[in-house]
Amino acid sequence: MSENVPSDFVASFTNERLAIIAQALLDECFSTDDDLQSKFDSGYSIGCTRFDRQKNRLKNLALDHWWLGITDPSNRLVMNIEGAPFRFTRDDYLSPTKVALTAVCETESTQIKKFAREQQTSFNWEDELDNDIESENPVRWRFVIDVNQSAEEDNSRDYEVFFVGYSRHDDPSCIWKLSEHVSGYVTSIDSELAKAVSLSSPKTSIPNTDESKKTHDKNE
């Protein structure tokens, strides 16, 4: 695996933008832990709630950043940064167990091809995806939330968020880590969780891309 960063392959995958998205995913991990502390909560109920909040949080982010778009608003949630698609999942990026980490759904495949045709770069993402070539270049990108499983059993969870580019052979060929790009990064260190706070209802409407771009100067 090379020491390249995501922006070496896709210019719009800047550290600043990745950090905004990854931090939002991380925040919802801890807020879900804060809220779901009933003795009747299970790993399943917490995991489902965490995913749904993260999904809605990312949709909400698209309303605030002109460069962030929604390709597929369903539960598979395919989003894009200036047209370059990505998805998110909770998994181990080195030993994936979920289809969402490695599979490319139809809407994502279409967006990959559309983005490749619109870009005039030396890296042809579409060719990497379709052709039978020996290459370690990434063809799909995933935000991966890694949860410390052993700590989770004690009602205390440690998280790390990665942005990983996978080759056509499902090998991680580019790895970006949130904690290496954000100052003051915090993870839990004991089993005592913070008190829950009130959260406003998420906005889940799909933003109008043209209107979002008009607010570029105000949001960037």
Protein backbone atom coordinates (compact mmCIF):
# COMPACT_ATOMS: atom_id res chain seq x y z
CA MET A 1 0.00 0.00 0.00
CA SER A 2 1.31 3.44 -0.95
CA GLU A 3 1.60 6.51 1.24
CA ASN A 4 -0.68 8.50 -1.04
CA VAL A 5 -3.52 10.60 0.35
CA PRO A 6 -7.05 10.59 -1.13
CA SER A 7 -6.54 13.92 -2.94
CA ASP A 8 -3.71 12.31 -4.94
CA PHE A 9 -6.39 10.25 -6.67
CA VAL A 10 -9.41 12.55 -6.47
CA ALA A 11 -8.63 16.26 -6.14
CA SER A 12 -11.93 17.05 -4.39
CA PHE A 13 -11.11 14.65 -1.52
CA THR A 14 -9.26 17.30 0.49
CA ASN A 15 -8.28 16.80 4.13
CA GLU A 16 -10.56 19.64 5.24
CA ARG A 17 -13.65 18.18 3.56
CA LEU A 18 -12.95 14.64 4.72
CA ALA A 19 -12.51 15.90 8.28
CA ILE A 20 -15.89 17.68 8.22
CA ILE A 21 -17.67 14.48 7.17
CA ALA A 22 -15.69 12.14 9.42
CA GLN A 23 -16.18 14.38 12.46
CA ALA A 24 -19.95 14.40 11.87
CA LEU A 25 -19.94 10.60 11.80
CA LEU A 26 -17.88 10.47 14.99
CA ASP A 27 -20.11 12.98 16.79
CA GLU A 28 -23.16 10.81 16.17
CA CYS A 29 -21.34 7.80 17.62
CA PHE A 30 -20.91 9.54 20.96
CA SER A 31 -24.32 11.25 20.98
CA THR A 32 -26.00 7.89 20.38
CA ASP A 33 -24.05 6.40 23.28
CA ASP A 34 -25.14 9.33 25.44
CA ASP A 35 -28.81 8.87 24.61
CA LEU A 36 -29.20 5.09 24.62
CA GLN A 37 -28.29 3.98 28.12
CA SER A 38 -31.36 1.92 28.98
CA LYS A 39 -30.81 -1.59 30.30
CA PHE A 40 -33.06 -2.66 27.42
CA ASP A 41 -30.75 -1.26 24.75
CA SER A 42 -28.69 -3.84 22.89
CA GLY A 43 -25.85 -3.67 20.41
CA TYR A 44 -28.47 -4.00 17.68
CA SER A 45 -30.65 -1.10 18.86
CA ILE A 46 -27.60 1.11 19.38
CA GLY A 47 -26.10 0.17 16.03
CA CYS A 48 -29.33 0.82 14.10
CA THR A 49 -29.85 4.16 15.82
CA ARG A 50 -26.24 5.17 15.24
CA PHE A 51 -26.47 4.37 11.52
CA ASP A 52 -29.76 6.22 11.01
CA ARG A 53 -28.50 9.32 12.82
CA GLN A 54 -25.27 9.30 10.85
CA LYS A 55 -27.18 8.92 7.58
CA ASN A 56 -29.45 11.86 8.39
CA ARG A 57 -26.51 13.92 9.67
CA LEU A 58 -24.70 13.55 6.34
CA LYS A 59 -27.85 14.50 4.42
CA ASN A 60 -28.06 17.55 6.65
CA LEU A 61 -24.43 18.43 5.91
CA ALA A 62 -25.24 18.53 2.20
CA LEU A 63 -27.51 21.49 2.89
CA ASP A 64 -24.58 23.45 4.32
CA HIS A 65 -21.74 22.65 1.89
CA TRP A 66 -21.99 23.28 -1.84
CA TRP A 67 -19.39 20.59 -2.62
CA LEU A 68 -21.32 17.79 -0.89
CA GLY A 69 -24.10 16.09 -2.85
CA ILE A 70 -26.51 13.16 -2.55
CA THR A 71 -26.51 10.55 -5.32
CA ASP A 72 -28.78 7.99 -3.65
CA PRO A 73 -30.79 9.07 -0.55
CA SER A 74 -31.96 5.55 0.34
CA ASN A 75 -30.56 3.53 3.22
CA ARG A 76 -27.55 2.59 1.09
CA LEU A 77 -26.81 6.35 0.94
CA VAL A 78 -24.41 7.17 -1.85
CA MET A 79 -23.04 10.70 -1.52
CA ASN A 80 -20.43 12.59 -3.49
CA ILE A 81 -17.85 15.33 -3.11
CA GLU A 82 -17.99 17.45 -6.27
CA GLY A 83 -19.30 14.39 -8.10
CA ALA A 84 -16.85 11.81 -6.69
CA PRO A 85 -18.97 9.19 -4.87
CA PHE A 86 -18.46 7.57 -1.47
CA ARG A 87 -20.43 5.61 1.12
CA PHE A 88 -20.03 4.94 4.84
CA THR A 89 -20.32 1.88 7.05
CA ARG A 90 -19.32 0.52 10.41
CA ASP A 91 -16.74 -2.24 9.91
CA ASP A 92 -13.08 -3.22 10.15
CA TYR A 93 -11.50 -1.84 7.01
CA LEU A 94 -8.78 -4.52 7.05
CA SER A 95 -11.20 -7.44 7.56
CA PRO A 96 -14.55 -6.31 6.15
CA THR A 97 -17.68 -8.26 7.04
CA LYS A 98 -20.34 -6.06 5.44
CA VAL A 99 -21.34 -5.96 1.79
CA ALA A 100 -21.53 -2.16 1.92
CA LEU A 101 -17.78 -1.95 2.36
CA THR A 102 -16.78 -3.80 -0.79
CA ALA A 103 -19.80 -3.93 -3.11
CA VAL A 104 -20.53 -1.17 -5.62
CA CYS A 105 -24.26 -0.67 -6.03
CA GLU A 106 -25.80 0.41 -9.33
CA THR A 107 -26.23 4.06 -8.40
CA GLU A 108 -22.65 4.29 -7.17
CA SER A 109 -21.32 2.62 -10.32
CA THR A 110 -23.27 5.08 -12.46
CA GLN A 111 -21.92 8.02 -10.47
CA ILE A 112 -18.36 6.71 -10.78
CA LYS A 113 -18.70 6.54 -14.56
CA LYS A 114 -20.32 9.96 -14.74
CA PHE A 115 -17.60 11.52 -12.62
CA ALA A 116 -14.82 9.84 -14.63
CA ARG A 117 -16.19 11.16 -17.90
CA GLU A 118 -16.51 14.68 -16.57
CA GLN A 119 -12.92 14.82 -15.32
CA GLN A 120 -9.84 15.32 -17.45
CA THR A 121 -7.26 13.66 -15.23
CA SER A 122 -4.48 11.13 -15.65
CA PHE A 123 -6.29 8.69 -13.36
CA ASN A 124 -9.23 7.12 -15.19
CA TRP A 125 -11.50 5.89 -12.39
CA GLU A 126 -13.92 4.27 -14.84
CA ASP A 127 -11.19 2.19 -16.50
CA GLU A 128 -9.94 1.03 -13.10
CA LEU A 129 -13.45 -0.16 -12.21
CA ASP A 130 -14.31 -1.92 -15.49
CA ASN A 131 -11.12 -3.27 -16.99
CA ASP A 132 -9.41 -6.51 -16.03
CA ILE A 133 -6.09 -4.97 -15.09
CA GLU A 134 -3.63 -5.56 -12.28
CA SER A 135 -3.78 -2.33 -10.34
CA GLU A 136 -3.83 -1.22 -6.73
CA ASN A 137 -5.44 2.13 -7.49
CA PRO A 138 -8.65 2.77 -5.52
CA VAL A 139 -11.95 2.32 -7.35
CA ARG A 140 -14.35 2.89 -4.43
CA TRP A 141 -14.16 5.03 -1.34
CA ARG A 142 -15.64 4.40 2.10
CA PHE A 143 -15.82 6.19 5.40
CA VAL A 144 -15.34 3.33 7.85
CA ILE A 145 -16.30 3.67 11.52
CA ASP A 146 -14.23 1.28 13.59
CA VAL A 147 -15.77 0.38 16.96
CA ASN A 148 -13.81 -1.26 19.77
CA GLN A 149 -15.92 -4.38 20.23
CA SER A 150 -14.52 -5.52 23.57
CA ALA A 151 -15.12 -2.10 25.12
CA GLU A 152 -18.63 -2.01 23.68
CA GLU A 153 -19.63 -4.96 25.87
CA ASP A 154 -18.88 -2.83 28.91
CA ASN A 155 -21.04 0.04 27.64
CA SER A 156 -17.97 2.06 26.75
CA ARG A 157 -16.97 2.43 23.13
CA ASP A 158 -13.89 3.78 21.43
CA TYR A 159 -14.18 4.91 17.83
CA GLU A 160 -11.92 5.75 14.94
CA VAL A 161 -13.06 7.01 11.54
CA PHE A 162 -11.13 6.14 8.40
CA PHE A 163 -11.58 7.13 4.77
CA VAL A 164 -10.37 4.21 2.69
CA GLY A 165 -9.91 3.73 -1.02
CA TYR A 166 -10.25 0.10 -2.12
CA SER A 167 -8.76 -1.43 -5.24
CA ARG A 168 -10.81 -3.58 -7.60
CA HIS A 169 -9.42 -6.57 -5.65
CA ASP A 170 -10.92 -5.25 -2.39
CA ASP A 171 -7.54 -4.29 -0.96
CA PRO A 172 -7.21 -1.00 0.96
CA SER A 173 -4.83 1.02 -1.20
CA CYS A 174 -5.25 4.47 0.38
CA ILE A 175 -6.05 5.07 4.06
CA TRP A 176 -6.90 8.40 5.67
CA LYS A 177 -7.42 8.61 9.45
CA LEU A 178 -9.45 11.32 11.18
CA SER A 179 -7.38 11.40 14.37
CA GLU A 180 -4.28 12.30 12.32
CA HIS A 181 -5.95 15.37 10.79
CA VAL A 182 -7.92 16.90 13.66
CA SER A 183 -6.40 18.60 16.69
CA GLY A 184 -7.97 17.84 20.04
CA TYR A 185 -9.30 14.46 18.87
CA VAL A 186 -11.09 12.77 21.78
CA THR A 187 -12.08 9.16 22.43
CA SER A 188 -13.66 7.65 25.52
CA ILE A 189 -11.27 6.45 28.21
CA ASP A 190 -13.62 4.91 30.75
CA SER A 191 -17.05 3.38 31.03
CA GLU A 192 -18.81 6.50 32.26
CA LEU A 193 -20.68 8.24 29.46
CA ALA A 194 -21.55 11.91 29.38
CA LYS A 195 -25.09 13.07 30.12
CA ALA A 196 -27.44 13.13 27.17
CA VAL A 197 -28.20 16.42 25.45
CA SER A 198 -31.26 17.44 23.48
CA LEU A 199 -30.89 17.15 19.72
CA SER A 200 -32.92 19.00 17.14
CA SER A 201 -34.74 17.06 14.43
CA PRO A 202 -32.51 16.40 11.41
CA LYS A 203 -33.25 17.98 8.06
CA THR A 204 -33.46 15.17 5.56
CA SER A 205 -34.59 16.89 2.37
CA ILE A 206 -32.32 16.60 -0.66
CA PRO A 207 -30.61 19.93 -1.35
CA ASN A 208 -30.89 21.76 -4.63
CA THR A 209 -27.37 21.63 -6.06
CA ASP A 210 -27.67 24.92 -7.93
CA GLU A 211 -28.93 26.76 -4.85
CA SER A 212 -26.22 25.18 -2.70
CA LYS A 213 -23.51 26.39 -5.06
CA LYS A 214 -24.83 29.94 -4.84
CA THR A 215 -23.97 29.92 -1.14
CA HIS A 216 -20.42 28.81 -1.81
CA ASP A 217 -18.87 32.13 -0.80
CA LYS A 218 -20.75 32.19 2.48
CA ASN A 219 -19.96 28.63 3.53
CA GLU A 220 -16.36 28.24 2.41
